[in-house]
Protein backbone atom coordinates (compact mmCIF):
# COMPACT_ATOMS: atom_id res chain seq x y z
CA MET A 1 67.20 92.53 178.64
CA GLU A 2 68.11 89.06 179.86
CA LYS A 3 71.71 88.49 181.01
CA ILE A 4 72.34 85.74 178.44
CA GLU A 5 71.30 88.07 175.62
CA MET A 6 73.42 90.89 177.05
CA ASP A 7 76.46 88.62 177.20
CA LYS A 8 75.92 87.68 173.59
CA ILE A 9 75.65 91.32 172.50
CA GLU A 10 78.84 92.19 174.42
CA LYS A 11 80.69 89.44 172.56
CA ILE A 12 79.32 90.74 169.27
CA VAL A 13 80.46 94.29 170.02
CA SER A 14 83.93 93.18 171.11
CA ALA A 15 84.31 91.29 167.85
CA ILE A 16 83.64 94.29 165.64
CA LYS A 17 85.81 96.90 167.39
CA LYS A 18 88.70 98.13 165.31
CA LYS A 19 91.83 100.04 166.07
CA GLU A 20 91.97 103.81 165.70
CA GLU A 21 94.88 103.67 163.25
CA GLU A 22 92.54 102.08 160.71
CA LEU A 23 90.80 105.41 160.24
CA ASP A 24 90.89 106.96 156.79
CA PRO A 25 94.06 109.12 156.80
CA ILE A 26 92.30 112.30 155.62
CA ILE A 27 89.56 112.04 158.24
CA GLN A 28 92.12 111.14 160.90
CA GLU A 29 94.18 114.24 160.07
CA ILE A 30 91.12 116.48 160.22
CA ILE A 31 90.09 114.98 163.56
CA GLN A 32 93.56 115.27 165.03
CA ASP A 33 94.11 118.86 163.91
CA ASN A 34 90.65 120.30 164.41
CA ILE A 35 88.60 118.27 166.89
CA LYS A 36 90.56 116.48 169.55
CA ASN A 37 91.49 118.45 172.65
CA ASN A 38 89.02 121.22 171.75
CA SER A 39 86.05 122.26 173.82
CA LYS A 40 82.50 121.53 172.68
CA ASP A 41 81.98 125.20 171.85
CA ASP A 42 85.11 125.20 169.68
CA PHE A 43 83.99 122.00 168.00
CA TYR A 44 80.49 123.25 167.20
CA MET A 45 81.96 126.47 165.82
CA LEU A 46 84.22 124.43 163.55
CA LEU A 47 81.41 122.11 162.50
CA ASN A 48 79.08 124.97 161.58
CA LYS A 49 81.84 126.65 159.58
CA LEU A 50 82.53 123.45 157.68
CA LEU A 51 78.84 122.85 156.96
CA ASP A 52 78.48 126.35 155.53
CA GLU A 53 81.18 125.65 152.94
CA GLN A 54 80.16 124.49 149.49
CA PRO A 55 81.59 121.14 148.29
CA GLY A 56 84.71 121.62 146.19
CA GLU A 57 87.52 119.69 144.61
CA ASP A 58 89.75 119.85 147.67
CA GLY A 59 90.31 116.40 149.18
CA GLY A 60 89.86 117.41 152.80
CA GLN A 61 86.68 119.33 152.10
CA ASN A 62 85.31 116.47 150.02
CA ALA A 63 86.13 114.08 152.84
CA LEU A 64 84.17 116.23 155.26
CA THR A 65 81.19 116.51 152.91
CA GLY A 66 81.13 112.75 152.51
CA PHE A 67 81.59 112.40 156.24
CA TYR A 68 78.51 114.56 156.81
CA PHE A 69 76.49 112.24 154.57
CA GLN A 70 77.80 109.30 156.59
CA MET A 71 76.71 110.98 159.81
CA LEU A 72 73.20 111.43 158.40
CA CYS A 73 73.15 107.71 157.64
CA THR A 74 74.26 107.11 161.23
CA LEU A 75 71.38 109.21 162.58
CA TYR A 76 69.01 107.21 160.37
CA TYR A 77 70.14 104.07 162.17
CA LEU A 78 70.18 105.79 165.55
CA ALA A 79 66.45 106.34 165.02
CA GLU A 80 66.04 102.63 164.29
CA VAL A 81 67.81 101.78 167.55
CA LEU A 82 65.29 104.02 169.33
CA GLU A 83 62.46 102.33 167.42
CA GLY A 84 63.60 99.01 168.90
CA ARG A 85 64.77 97.42 165.65
CA TRP A 86 68.35 97.19 166.91
CA ASP A 87 69.96 96.86 170.33
CA PHE A 88 73.14 98.75 169.54
CA LEU A 89 74.95 100.89 166.99
CA VAL A 90 78.70 101.09 166.51
CA LEU A 91 80.01 104.18 164.77
CA GLU A 92 83.48 104.55 163.35
CA LEU A 93 84.68 107.70 161.66
CA HIS A 94 85.82 106.20 158.38
CA GLN A 95 83.51 103.76 156.58
CA ASP A 96 81.41 101.53 158.78
CA ILE A 97 78.10 101.79 160.54
CA ILE A 98 77.26 98.59 162.37
CA VAL A 99 73.91 97.80 163.98
CA GLY A 100 72.81 94.63 165.60
CA ASN A 101 70.82 92.68 168.12
CA SER A 102 71.16 89.21 169.55
CA SER A 103 70.13 87.54 166.29
CA THR A 104 71.22 89.84 163.45
CA ILE A 105 74.13 92.14 162.72
CA ARG A 106 74.26 94.48 159.75
CA PHE A 107 77.51 95.88 158.35
CA THR A 108 77.09 99.10 156.41
CA GLN A 109 79.66 100.94 154.35
CA VAL A 110 78.93 104.48 153.20
CA LYS A 111 80.28 105.63 149.86
CA SER A 112 79.65 109.11 148.49
CA GLU A 113 80.37 111.30 145.52
CA VAL A 114 80.85 114.86 146.71
CA THR A 115 82.58 116.85 144.00
CA THR A 116 80.82 119.42 141.85
CA LYS A 117 80.94 116.90 138.98
CA LYS A 118 78.87 114.36 140.90
CA LYS A 119 76.20 112.59 138.84
CA LEU A 120 72.97 111.03 140.05
CA SER A 121 74.02 107.61 138.82
CA LYS A 122 77.15 105.78 137.75
CA GLU A 123 77.58 102.62 135.74
CA VAL A 124 78.93 99.85 137.93
CA THR A 125 82.08 99.55 135.81
CA LYS A 126 82.90 103.17 136.68
CA THR A 127 82.78 102.46 140.41
CA GLU A 128 84.97 100.35 142.67
CA LEU A 129 82.14 98.05 143.69
CA TYR A 130 84.22 94.94 143.04
CA THR A 131 87.48 96.26 141.55
CA GLY A 132 88.11 98.34 144.67
CA GLY A 133 86.92 95.68 147.05
CA TRP A 134 83.81 97.42 148.40
CA VAL A 135 81.77 94.23 148.28
CA GLN A 136 84.63 91.95 149.32
CA LYS A 137 85.37 94.02 152.44
CA LEU A 138 81.74 93.91 153.46
CA ILE A 139 80.96 90.24 152.99
CA SER A 140 84.29 89.18 154.48
CA MET A 141 83.04 90.60 157.81
CA ALA A 142 81.02 87.40 158.08
CA ARG A 143 84.25 85.83 159.35
CA LEU A 144 83.48 87.41 162.72
CA PHE A 145 80.22 85.44 162.90
CA PRO A 146 80.62 82.26 160.81
CA LYS A 147 77.49 80.40 159.82
CA GLY A 148 76.18 78.19 162.62
CA GLN A 149 76.89 80.57 165.51
CA GLY A 150 73.29 81.83 165.73
CA VAL A 151 73.96 85.31 164.34
CA GLU A 152 72.67 86.25 160.89
CA THR A 153 74.86 88.73 159.00
CA GLU A 154 73.66 91.36 156.52
CA PHE A 155 75.73 93.59 154.25
CA GLU A 156 74.76 97.03 152.98
CA LEU A 157 76.34 99.68 150.79
CA MET A 158 74.73 103.10 151.36
CA THR A 159 75.47 105.62 148.61
CA ASN A 160 74.45 109.10 147.58
CA PHE A 161 74.35 108.01 143.96
CA ILE A 162 72.72 105.12 142.11
CA ILE A 163 74.92 102.28 140.93
CA LYS A 164 73.34 101.19 137.68
CA ASP A 165 73.91 98.42 135.18
CA SER A 166 76.62 98.75 132.57
CA PRO A 167 76.24 97.16 129.14
CA THR A 168 78.20 94.13 130.34
CA VAL A 169 77.57 93.95 134.12
CA LYS A 170 74.06 93.82 135.64
CA VAL A 171 73.78 94.73 139.34
CA GLU A 172 70.56 96.74 139.71
CA HIS A 173 68.73 93.80 141.27
CA TYR A 174 70.85 94.45 144.38
CA LEU A 175 69.22 97.86 144.79
CA TYR A 176 66.80 98.01 147.68
CA ASN A 177 67.21 94.35 148.63
CA LYS A 178 64.91 95.12 151.54
CA ASP A 179 64.79 91.69 153.11
CA PHE A 180 68.41 90.70 152.45
CA ASP A 181 67.27 87.47 150.86
CA HIS A 182 68.16 87.61 147.16
CA HIS A 183 68.18 84.43 145.13
CA ILE A 184 71.57 84.58 143.42
CA ALA A 185 71.83 82.79 140.10
CA ASP A 186 74.97 80.90 139.20
CA ASP A 187 75.55 83.29 136.29
CA ASP A 188 75.01 86.43 138.39
CA HIS A 189 77.41 89.10 137.12
CA LEU A 190 78.44 90.43 140.53
CA LEU A 191 79.04 86.89 141.75
CA GLN A 192 81.31 86.28 138.78
CA LYS A 193 83.22 89.53 139.36
CA VAL A 194 83.73 88.90 143.08
CA ASN A 195 84.95 85.40 142.26
CA ASP A 196 87.41 86.99 139.83
CA PHE A 197 88.64 89.46 142.49
CA LYS A 198 88.09 87.42 145.67
CA THR A 199 90.61 89.19 147.89
CA ARG A 200 90.59 92.63 146.29
CA GLY A 201 90.73 95.19 149.11
CA LEU A 202 91.52 92.55 151.76
CA ASP A 203 94.77 92.46 153.71
CA ASP A 204 94.85 88.67 153.63
CA LYS A 205 95.45 87.74 150.00
CA ASP A 206 94.90 84.07 150.88
CA PHE A 207 91.50 84.71 152.44
CA ASN A 208 89.06 81.83 151.91
CA TYR A 209 85.35 82.62 152.39
CA GLU A 210 84.25 79.03 152.81
CA VAL A 211 86.85 78.39 155.50
CA SER A 212 86.57 81.67 157.42
CA CYS A 213 82.86 82.43 156.98
CA LYS A 214 81.56 78.87 156.57
CA GLU A 215 79.62 80.16 153.55
CA SER A 216 80.22 80.58 149.85
CA ILE A 217 80.44 83.96 148.15
CA LYS A 218 77.10 83.19 146.52
CA GLU A 219 75.44 82.67 149.91
CA LEU A 220 76.97 85.85 151.30
CA LEU A 221 75.87 87.95 148.32
CA SER A 222 72.28 86.84 148.88
CA ARG A 223 72.36 89.13 151.94
CA PHE A 224 73.96 92.14 150.22
CA ARG A 225 72.10 95.26 149.12
CA ILE A 226 72.90 98.63 147.58
CA ASN A 227 70.86 101.34 149.28
CA PRO A 228 71.06 104.81 147.68
CA LYS A 229 70.14 107.85 149.80
CA ALA A 230 70.33 111.60 149.08
CA VAL A 231 70.96 110.76 145.44
CA ASP A 232 70.78 114.40 144.29
CA ILE A 233 73.59 116.36 145.96
CA ASN A 234 71.55 119.54 145.35
CA ASN A 235 68.61 118.05 147.26
CA LEU A 236 70.37 116.75 150.35
CA GLU A 237 67.45 118.30 152.23
CA ASP A 238 65.24 115.39 151.14
CA PHE A 239 67.39 112.91 153.04
CA ILE A 240 67.80 115.34 155.93
CA GLY A 241 64.01 115.58 155.94
CA THR A 242 63.70 111.80 156.06
CA VAL A 243 66.09 111.61 159.02
CA SER A 244 64.42 114.58 160.72
CA ASN A 245 60.97 113.08 160.32
CA LYS A 246 62.13 109.67 161.54
CA LEU A 247 63.66 111.14 164.69
CA GLY A 248 60.83 113.61 165.20
CA ARG A 249 58.16 110.91 165.21
CA LEU A 250 59.93 109.34 168.19
CA ILE A 251 59.06 112.51 170.08
CA HIS A 252 55.56 113.07 168.69
CA GLU A 253 53.72 112.07 165.54
CA SER A 254 53.50 115.67 164.35
CA VAL A 255 57.04 116.74 165.27
CA ALA A 256 60.14 116.80 163.08
CA ILE A 257 63.70 117.82 163.91
CA SER A 258 65.10 121.05 162.51
CA PHE A 259 68.27 121.31 160.41
CA LYS A 260 70.03 122.99 163.33
CA ASP A 261 69.03 120.15 165.66
CA ILE A 262 70.36 117.60 163.17
CA ASN A 263 73.70 119.41 163.06
CA TYR A 264 73.76 119.68 166.85
CA LEU A 265 73.21 115.95 167.22
CA ILE A 266 75.96 115.22 164.69
CA GLY A 267 78.21 117.48 166.74
CA GLU A 268 77.38 115.57 169.91
CA LEU A 269 78.20 112.26 168.24
CA CYS A 270 81.48 113.50 166.79
CA PHE A 271 82.64 115.21 169.96
CA GLU A 272 81.90 112.32 172.27
CA CYS A 273 83.28 109.82 169.80
CA ASN A 274 86.63 111.59 169.86
CA HIS A 275 86.74 112.28 173.59
CA SER A 276 86.03 108.77 174.78
CA ASN A 277 88.24 106.06 176.15
CA GLN A 278 87.42 103.98 173.10
CA GLY A 279 89.45 106.12 170.72
CA SER A 280 87.56 106.75 167.53
CA LEU A 281 84.84 104.18 168.11
CA MET A 282 81.49 104.94 169.66
CA TYR A 283 79.18 102.24 170.95
CA ILE A 284 75.57 103.29 171.44
CA ASP A 285 73.11 100.98 173.14
CA ASN A 286 69.40 101.59 173.77
CA GLU A 287 70.10 103.50 176.97
CA ARG A 288 72.67 105.80 175.34
CA ALA A 289 70.41 106.31 172.33
CA PHE A 290 67.62 107.37 174.68
CA GLU A 291 69.93 110.04 176.13
CA PHE A 292 70.39 111.50 172.66
CA LEU A 293 66.61 111.46 172.23
CA GLN A 294 66.24 113.41 175.46
CA ILE A 295 68.63 116.04 174.09
CA LEU A 296 66.43 116.36 171.02
CA LYS A 297 63.24 116.54 173.10
CA GLN A 298 64.66 119.42 175.11
CA ARG A 299 65.71 121.30 171.98
CA VAL A 300 62.40 120.72 170.19
CA SER A 301 60.46 121.73 173.30
CA SER A 302 62.50 124.91 173.57
CA ASN A 303 62.14 125.76 169.87
CA LEU A 304 58.37 125.26 169.77
CA GLU A 305 57.47 126.42 173.28
CA GLU A 306 56.51 129.93 172.20
CA PHE A 307 54.27 128.60 169.46
CA TYR A 308 52.62 125.61 171.07
CA THR A 309 52.16 126.85 174.64
CA THR A 310 49.65 129.40 173.36
CA THR A 311 48.23 127.65 170.34
CA ASN A 312 46.84 124.39 169.08
CA ASN A 313 44.73 123.50 166.08
CA ASN A 314 41.43 124.82 167.43
CA ILE A 315 42.96 127.91 169.00
CA LEU A 316 44.71 128.77 165.74
CA ILE A 317 41.50 128.31 163.78
CA ASP A 318 39.57 130.53 166.18
CA GLU A 319 42.30 133.16 166.22
CA ILE A 320 42.71 133.44 162.45
CA VAL A 321 39.00 133.25 161.56
CA THR A 322 38.28 135.91 164.19
CA LYS A 323 41.04 138.06 162.69
CA ILE A 324 39.47 137.75 159.22
CA ASN A 325 36.05 138.62 160.65
CA SER A 326 37.46 141.73 162.34
CA SER A 327 38.02 143.19 158.87
CA TYR A 328 34.24 143.32 158.38
CA THR A 329 33.08 145.05 161.55
CA GLU A 330 32.12 148.21 159.58
CA LEU A 331 29.95 146.36 157.06
CA LYS A 332 26.30 147.26 156.76
CA GLU A 333 23.44 144.85 157.32
CA PRO A 334 22.50 142.36 156.06
CA MET A 335 26.02 141.69 154.73
CA LYS A 336 27.63 142.03 158.15
CA ASN A 337 25.62 139.16 159.68
CA GLN A 338 25.76 137.12 156.51
CA ILE A 339 29.55 137.25 156.24
CA TYR A 340 29.72 136.42 159.93
CA ASP A 341 27.57 133.33 159.30
CA GLU A 342 29.82 132.30 156.41
CA LEU A 343 32.91 132.59 158.61
CA GLU A 344 31.25 130.59 161.39
CA LYS A 345 30.42 127.84 158.88
CA PHE A 346 34.03 127.97 157.73
CA ARG A 347 35.30 127.78 161.32
CA ILE A 348 33.23 124.63 161.94
CA TYR A 349 34.29 123.17 158.59
CA LEU A 350 37.99 123.60 159.46
CA LYS A 351 37.62 122.08 162.91
CA ASN A 352 35.69 119.11 161.55
CA SER A 353 38.19 118.56 158.73
CA ILE A 354 41.20 118.77 160.99
CA ASN A 355 39.91 117.07 164.12
CA ASP A 356 37.72 114.38 162.56
CA GLU A 357 39.93 113.52 159.61
CA GLY A 358 43.20 113.84 161.48
CA PHE A 359 44.47 116.40 158.98
CA SER A 360 46.42 118.64 161.36
CA ILE A 361 47.49 122.21 160.65
CA ASN A 362 51.08 120.97 160.90
CA VAL A 363 50.50 118.54 158.03
CA MET A 364 48.71 121.23 156.05
CA VAL A 365 51.60 123.69 156.32
CA HIS A 366 54.29 121.08 155.58
CA ARG A 367 52.50 120.17 152.33
CA TYR A 368 51.80 123.78 151.42
CA LEU A 369 55.41 124.89 151.80
CA GLU A 370 57.11 122.19 149.75
CA GLY A 371 54.58 119.60 148.63
CA LYS A 372 56.13 117.07 151.02
CA SER A 373 54.96 115.34 154.16
CA PHE A 374 57.81 117.08 155.96
CA SER A 375 59.29 120.48 155.16
CA LEU A 376 62.52 121.74 156.72
CA LYS A 377 61.26 125.27 156.13
CA TYR A 378 58.50 124.69 158.67
CA ASN A 379 60.82 124.08 161.61
CA SER A 380 63.04 127.03 160.76
CA MET A 381 60.17 129.53 160.61
CA PRO A 382 59.52 131.87 163.56
CA PRO A 383 56.01 131.58 165.06
CA LEU A 384 54.78 134.88 163.56
CA LYS A 385 55.80 133.80 160.06
CA LEU A 386 54.09 130.44 160.55
CA LYS A 387 50.84 132.17 161.45
CA GLU A 388 51.11 134.29 158.31
CA LYS A 389 51.43 131.12 156.21
CA ILE A 390 48.46 129.52 157.95
CA GLU A 391 46.41 132.67 157.34
CA GLU A 392 47.34 132.50 153.63
CA ILE A 393 46.04 128.94 153.49
CA PHE A 394 42.85 129.69 155.42
CA LYS A 395 41.91 132.65 153.22
CA THR A 396 42.39 130.55 150.10
CA LEU A 397 40.29 127.74 151.53
CA LEU A 398 37.57 130.20 152.50
CA ILE A 399 37.18 131.42 148.91
CA LEU A 400 37.16 127.82 147.67
CA ASN A 401 34.34 127.00 150.09
CA VAL A 402 32.36 130.04 148.95
CA LEU A 403 32.86 129.00 145.35
CA HIS A 404 31.83 125.38 145.88
CA ASP A 405 29.20 125.79 148.63
CA ASP A 406 31.37 123.70 151.00
CA ASP A 407 31.21 120.71 148.63
CA ILE A 408 34.99 120.39 148.64
CA ASN A 409 37.19 118.39 150.99
CA PHE A 410 40.83 117.62 151.68
CA SER A 411 41.78 114.64 149.55
CA ASN A 412 42.84 111.52 151.45
CA GLU A 413 44.31 109.98 148.31
CA PHE A 414 47.50 112.03 148.39
CA THR A 415 50.28 111.79 150.96
CA SER A 416 52.30 114.91 150.24
CA ILE A 417 50.84 117.69 148.11
CA LEU A 418 48.02 119.76 149.65
CA ILE A 419 44.98 118.97 147.50
CA LYS A 420 41.30 119.84 147.81
CA GLU A 421 38.94 117.57 145.92
CA ALA A 422 35.85 118.89 144.16
CA LYS A 423 33.39 116.89 142.08
CA ASN A 424 35.28 117.11 138.80
CA SER A 425 38.62 118.58 139.76
CA TYR A 426 41.61 118.60 142.07
CA ILE A 427 42.72 121.96 143.41
CA SER A 428 46.24 122.03 144.86
CA LEU A 429 47.80 124.79 146.93
CA VAL A 430 51.50 125.51 146.44
CA GLY A 431 53.24 128.16 148.53
CA LEU A 432 55.83 130.29 146.73
CA ASP A 433 58.55 132.28 148.42
CA THR A 434 59.04 136.02 148.23
CA ASP A 435 59.77 137.22 144.67
CA GLN A 436 59.57 133.76 143.10
CA THR A 437 58.49 133.85 139.47
CA MET A 438 56.07 131.85 137.36
CA GLU A 439 58.87 129.68 135.98
CA GLU A 440 60.16 128.97 139.49
CA GLY A 441 56.63 128.09 140.58
CA LEU A 442 56.20 125.71 137.66
CA GLU A 443 59.54 124.07 138.42
CA LYS A 444 58.45 123.59 142.03
CA LEU A 445 55.17 122.06 140.85
CA ARG A 446 57.02 119.71 138.48
CA ASN A 447 59.32 118.55 141.28
CA ILE A 448 56.35 117.90 143.57
CA ILE A 449 54.45 115.86 141.00
CA GLU A 450 57.53 113.93 139.88
CA LYS A 451 57.91 112.64 143.44
CA ALA A 452 54.27 111.53 143.64
CA THR A 453 53.54 107.81 143.65
CA ASP A 454 52.37 106.06 140.49
CA LYS A 455 48.89 105.73 141.99
CA GLU A 456 48.77 109.47 142.76
CA LYS A 457 49.83 110.36 139.21
CA ILE A 458 47.07 108.22 137.77
CA LEU A 459 44.51 109.78 140.12
CA ILE A 460 45.65 113.24 139.06
CA LEU A 461 44.87 112.38 135.46
CA MET A 462 41.33 111.29 136.35
CA LYS A 463 40.18 114.88 136.94
CA GLU A 464 41.00 118.38 135.84
CA ASN A 465 43.78 119.98 137.82
CA HIS A 466 44.16 123.52 139.08
CA THR A 467 47.06 124.79 141.15
CA ILE A 468 46.85 127.97 143.20
CA PHE A 469 50.23 129.66 143.57
CA GLN A 470 50.04 131.47 146.88
CA GLY A 471 52.43 133.67 148.86
CA GLU A 472 54.50 136.81 148.28
CA TYR A 473 55.58 135.74 144.80
CA ASP A 474 56.33 138.03 141.84
CA ASP A 475 52.86 138.29 140.29
CA GLU A 476 53.91 140.20 137.18
CA ASP A 477 54.12 137.04 135.06
CA ILE A 478 51.40 134.99 136.79
CA GLN A 479 48.33 136.09 134.88
CA GLU A 480 44.71 134.99 134.99
CA LYS A 481 43.53 132.20 132.67
CA GLN A 482 47.07 130.80 132.49
CA THR A 483 47.28 127.12 131.59
CA ILE A 484 50.10 124.71 130.88
CA ASP A 485 50.25 121.44 129.02
CA ALA A 486 49.96 118.64 131.58
CA SER A 487 52.83 116.83 129.88
CA GLU A 488 55.08 119.57 131.28
CA VAL A 489 54.20 118.43 134.77
CA ILE A 490 53.68 114.67 134.47
CA ASN A 491 56.02 112.37 132.59
CA PHE A 492 53.72 110.43 130.28
CA GLU A 493 56.44 107.99 129.30
CA ASN A 494 56.30 106.05 132.56
CA ASP A 495 55.38 102.41 132.24
CA PHE A 496 52.34 102.58 134.51
CA PHE A 497 50.24 104.53 131.97
CA PRO A 498 47.86 102.36 129.93
CA GLN A 499 49.31 101.68 126.51
CA GLU A 500 46.08 100.74 124.76
CA LYS A 501 44.70 104.27 125.22
CA SER A 502 47.55 106.73 125.27
CA ILE A 503 47.00 109.60 127.65
CA LYS A 504 49.61 111.51 125.68
CA ASP A 505 47.02 112.05 122.94
CA VAL A 506 44.45 113.65 125.27
CA ASP A 507 44.04 117.43 125.10
CA TYR A 508 44.73 118.05 128.76
CA HIS A 509 45.56 121.32 130.47
CA TRP A 510 46.62 122.27 133.95
CA THR A 511 45.33 125.63 135.15
CA ILE A 512 47.57 127.94 137.17
CA ILE A 513 45.72 130.36 139.43
CA PRO A 514 47.33 133.50 140.87
CA GLY A 515 46.53 133.17 144.56
CA ARG A 516 47.02 136.82 145.45
CA LYS A 517 44.32 137.80 142.96
CA PHE A 518 42.28 134.86 144.21
CA ILE A 519 42.02 136.00 147.83
CA ALA A 520 41.68 139.64 146.79
CA TYR A 521 37.93 138.94 146.62
CA LEU A 522 37.89 138.98 150.41
CA ARG A 523 38.86 142.64 150.32
CA ARG A 524 35.90 143.46 148.08
CA VAL A 525 33.12 142.25 150.36
CA ARG A 526 32.15 145.80 151.35
CA ARG A 527 31.16 146.53 147.72
CA TYR A 528 28.17 144.19 147.90
CA GLU A 529 24.83 144.59 149.55
CA ASP A 530 24.41 140.96 150.49
CA ILE A 531 26.25 137.62 150.45
CA TYR A 532 24.31 136.32 147.45
CA THR A 533 25.50 138.97 145.01
CA PHE A 534 29.03 138.52 146.42
CA LYS A 535 28.97 134.77 145.80
CA HIS A 536 27.57 135.30 142.31
CA ASP A 537 30.39 137.63 141.37
CA VAL A 538 33.04 135.35 142.89
CA ARG A 539 31.71 132.40 140.92
CA LYS A 540 31.51 134.47 137.78
CA GLY A 541 35.02 135.81 138.23
CA LEU A 542 36.59 132.46 139.05
CA GLY A 543 34.29 130.19 137.09
CA VAL A 544 36.73 130.19 134.18
CA PHE A 545 39.05 128.08 136.32
CA PHE A 546 36.51 125.64 137.71
CA LYS A 547 33.85 125.58 135.00
CA VAL A 548 31.24 126.60 137.55
CA GLY A 549 27.74 126.29 136.21
CA GLU A 550 28.62 124.12 133.23
């Protein structure tokens, strides 16, 4: 980086440093009593203990839970520093995350609801957005870089809940202001409220925005956004997954960071932040961020070494298909050679699908486990368990290929759920955990579909849908020929559905297929003289699900 640009960044950083006594008193007390002057081992032990605790009503515990959410937000921006979007990140252990480069600086405050009574959304009048000075504190930071100094300021409020309109105050247009370039109308409600409470939350009760910032409140609000993350406190894993995936892709396109690695990195940040000469403040530039990335690379390499030093996509395919074939060594001819030919066709099909279409086994397993592009379960699984899951998937795909004569492919239209596309139907694979029930499986399916894009939901409705529940689930209540009303899975009230021809009125069913019964056909091969009678019986037995022959 050129010296002139470096000098400018150093001036920016010096302008935003704050004193340690400005820390939130609760956080400061926790740091002082439990972190400072302890070894790293002691700190990590404390951190892990705290993270294992469930959020409660206690103020200190709530502060730590909110602090953990703030640290996740910090890691999100650390990834963006590594991506080259920012030249530095400044972390303070109370409210602010600050990122910047030579042309732009973004001030971010993190606000969280962490009690057991937390709701997904709150009306703006029930927050302290303007009455508590959240907005005023943020936009007043523009005084450090008044208009005309060549540095553009941006202001962000990151929350783990959605701030929604109230009957009298409309603010939802500030949600996801991606480009920080709102057009603010003169009658904007937030503008009116901030004008009414100009210095709320500020130490200087005579503060004048036009004088100190060289801009009006209206101009400053045009660069303000509300950015909710981890909205559901019970699904914090979704945001952790986002952060993990973002960091993992900096290592390799198919890698994500485990939950333990996330916590380790948070521990590193906290420990170094409180054992530095800068007091509570930590300044991370590109070089320092790269050091954190190296820590993650070493941990990921260590975690996956056993799995990936001996396997890759093709090796796994060969290994598992060969294992399936070994079950048929005692078959009589001609079935023995015929089933071998079928497995060889399947082996080639898998390699072509994965290698030519870029649909890696990693992606397949992530989608199978949780119907998401990234699953935290994947990284926490030991190698042997992962192979078992891959074998479950392969056996299911093998039967599907037998049923459809290979005329079935992985769908490229969907980004998360694992879907195979036949001529008139979509067939999705959903992995259930040990002892999960039908109702739990349906709830998992609902959650997966609810998170699909509008385009994906419409595509789903274009064909018949069948979902295979696979895994060591409780199969007592997952019976053959079981169907559900599609309205239980897809919300038909969404605006994107055509109104002139209501899909709600269509007789539409979603078939649930018990996967353990599905792949049981592979154990019955020895009962048949040849592959043709086997295929006929498979199609006859499963045709009820796929309308084979109609």
